[in-house]
Amino acid sequence: MVRRIREEHGIKCRRHKRFKVTMDSNHNKMVYTNVLDQQFDANRPNKSWGFYL
C-alpha cells in the first residue's frame, strides 16, 4: 500500500549501503601467517590464544 502511494506521487526512497567497508586490503603492512589454520577446537585448556587489533 505504501509502495503504491509512493509510486503514484513520484516519491523515491534513498537506498542505504548494506555495510560500510572497514578494512583496507591494499596496505603495505606485514601480514602474519595463520598459525591456527582455522582449527578452533582445542584438546586441552590454554592451548591457543588470540586477539584482534
N, C-alpha and C. Protein backbone atom coordinates (compact mmCIF):
# COMPACT_ATOMS: atom_id res chain seq x y z
N MET A 1 0.81 -1.18 0.00
CA MET A 1 0.00 0.00 0.00
C MET A 1 0.87 1.26 0.00
N VAL A 2 1.84 1.30 0.89
CA VAL A 2 2.72 2.47 0.95
C VAL A 2 3.51 2.60 -0.34
N ARG A 3 3.96 1.48 -0.85
CA ARG A 3 4.74 1.50 -2.09
C ARG A 3 3.91 2.06 -3.25
N ARG A 4 2.66 1.64 -3.34
CA ARG A 4 1.79 2.11 -4.42
C ARG A 4 1.56 3.62 -4.32
N ILE A 5 1.27 4.11 -3.13
CA ILE A 5 1.05 5.55 -2.94
C ILE A 5 2.32 6.33 -3.26
N ARG A 6 3.44 5.80 -2.81
CA ARG A 6 4.72 6.46 -3.07
C ARG A 6 4.98 6.56 -4.57
N GLU A 7 4.73 5.48 -5.31
CA GLU A 7 4.94 5.48 -6.75
C GLU A 7 3.97 6.42 -7.47
N GLU A 8 2.73 6.51 -6.99
CA GLU A 8 1.75 7.41 -7.60
C GLU A 8 2.18 8.87 -7.49
N HIS A 9 2.83 9.21 -6.39
CA HIS A 9 3.26 10.59 -6.16
C HIS A 9 4.70 10.86 -6.59
N GLY A 10 5.35 9.84 -7.13
CA GLY A 10 6.72 10.01 -7.62
C GLY A 10 7.76 10.17 -6.53
N ILE A 11 7.46 9.62 -5.36
CA ILE A 11 8.40 9.72 -4.24
C ILE A 11 9.32 8.50 -4.28
N LYS A 12 10.61 8.75 -4.21
CA LYS A 12 11.58 7.66 -4.22
C LYS A 12 12.34 7.63 -2.90
N CYS A 13 12.66 6.45 -2.46
CA CYS A 13 13.41 6.27 -1.21
C CYS A 13 14.91 6.28 -1.51
N ARG A 14 15.66 6.76 -0.56
CA ARG A 14 17.12 6.65 -0.67
C ARG A 14 17.51 5.26 -0.20
N ARG A 15 18.31 4.60 -1.00
CA ARG A 15 18.75 3.25 -0.62
C ARG A 15 20.08 3.37 0.10
N HIS A 16 20.17 2.73 1.24
CA HIS A 16 21.38 2.75 2.04
C HIS A 16 22.28 1.57 1.66
N LYS A 17 23.57 1.78 1.83
CA LYS A 17 24.50 0.68 1.60
C LYS A 17 24.28 -0.38 2.68
N ARG A 18 24.47 -1.63 2.31
CA ARG A 18 24.25 -2.70 3.27
C ARG A 18 25.30 -2.72 4.37
N PHE A 19 26.53 -2.38 4.05
CA PHE A 19 27.58 -2.35 5.06
C PHE A 19 28.63 -1.34 4.66
N LYS A 20 29.42 -0.93 5.63
CA LYS A 20 30.49 0.01 5.39
C LYS A 20 31.81 -0.76 5.40
N VAL A 21 32.63 -0.55 4.39
CA VAL A 21 33.92 -1.23 4.31
C VAL A 21 34.82 -0.67 5.41
N THR A 22 35.35 -1.56 6.25
CA THR A 22 36.15 -1.11 7.38
C THR A 22 37.61 -1.56 7.30
N MET A 23 37.98 -2.27 6.25
CA MET A 23 39.35 -2.77 6.17
C MET A 23 39.93 -2.48 4.79
N ASP A 24 41.16 -2.01 4.77
CA ASP A 24 41.85 -1.74 3.52
C ASP A 24 42.74 -2.94 3.22
N SER A 25 42.38 -3.73 2.22
CA SER A 25 43.17 -4.91 1.90
C SER A 25 44.38 -4.59 1.03
N ASN A 26 44.48 -3.37 0.54
CA ASN A 26 45.63 -2.96 -0.27
C ASN A 26 46.59 -2.13 0.57
N HIS A 27 47.11 -2.71 1.62
CA HIS A 27 48.02 -1.98 2.51
C HIS A 27 49.44 -2.51 2.34
N ASN A 28 50.39 -1.79 2.88
CA ASN A 28 51.80 -2.17 2.78
C ASN A 28 52.33 -2.76 4.08
N LYS A 29 51.44 -3.12 4.99
CA LYS A 29 51.86 -3.66 6.28
C LYS A 29 52.10 -5.15 6.19
N MET A 30 52.84 -5.67 7.16
CA MET A 30 53.18 -7.08 7.18
C MET A 30 51.94 -7.93 7.47
N VAL A 31 51.78 -9.04 6.80
CA VAL A 31 50.68 -9.95 7.02
C VAL A 31 51.23 -11.18 7.72
N TYR A 32 50.64 -11.51 8.87
CA TYR A 32 51.11 -12.65 9.66
C TYR A 32 50.52 -13.95 9.13
N THR A 33 51.22 -15.03 9.36
CA THR A 33 50.73 -16.34 8.94
C THR A 33 49.60 -16.79 9.86
N ASN A 34 48.73 -17.63 9.36
CA ASN A 34 47.61 -18.15 10.12
C ASN A 34 48.08 -19.40 10.87
N VAL A 35 48.48 -19.21 12.12
CA VAL A 35 49.03 -20.31 12.90
C VAL A 35 47.95 -21.32 13.27
N LEU A 36 46.76 -20.86 13.60
CA LEU A 36 45.67 -21.77 13.97
C LEU A 36 45.13 -22.54 12.78
N ASP A 37 45.27 -22.00 11.59
CA ASP A 37 44.78 -22.64 10.37
C ASP A 37 43.30 -22.99 10.47
N GLN A 38 42.51 -22.09 11.08
CA GLN A 38 41.06 -22.22 11.24
C GLN A 38 40.66 -23.46 12.04
N GLN A 39 41.55 -24.00 12.85
CA GLN A 39 41.22 -25.13 13.72
C GLN A 39 41.03 -24.57 15.13
N PHE A 40 39.77 -24.31 15.48
CA PHE A 40 39.48 -23.64 16.73
C PHE A 40 39.18 -24.60 17.88
N ASP A 41 39.15 -25.89 17.62
CA ASP A 41 38.89 -26.86 18.67
C ASP A 41 40.19 -27.22 19.37
N ALA A 42 40.25 -26.92 20.67
CA ALA A 42 41.46 -27.23 21.44
C ALA A 42 41.21 -28.49 22.25
N ASN A 43 42.19 -29.38 22.31
CA ASN A 43 42.01 -30.62 23.06
C ASN A 43 42.44 -30.49 24.51
N ARG A 44 42.99 -29.34 24.89
CA ARG A 44 43.34 -29.07 26.28
C ARG A 44 43.21 -27.57 26.54
N PRO A 45 43.02 -27.18 27.81
CA PRO A 45 42.86 -25.76 28.12
C PRO A 45 44.12 -24.96 27.82
N ASN A 46 43.97 -23.71 27.47
CA ASN A 46 45.07 -22.77 27.21
C ASN A 46 45.99 -23.20 26.07
N LYS A 47 45.48 -23.98 25.14
CA LYS A 47 46.31 -24.42 24.02
C LYS A 47 46.50 -23.29 23.01
N SER A 48 45.43 -22.56 22.72
CA SER A 48 45.54 -21.49 21.73
C SER A 48 44.88 -20.22 22.25
N TRP A 49 45.57 -19.13 22.05
CA TRP A 49 45.08 -17.81 22.43
C TRP A 49 45.15 -16.91 21.21
N GLY A 50 44.30 -15.93 21.16
CA GLY A 50 44.35 -14.99 20.05
C GLY A 50 43.66 -13.70 20.39
N PHE A 51 43.94 -12.69 19.60
CA PHE A 51 43.28 -11.41 19.76
C PHE A 51 43.24 -10.71 18.42
N TYR A 52 42.41 -9.70 18.35
CA TYR A 52 42.23 -8.94 17.11
C TYR A 52 42.43 -7.47 17.42
N LEU A 53 43.30 -6.84 16.67
CA LEU A 53 43.54 -5.41 16.88
C LEU A 53 42.65 -4.59 15.99
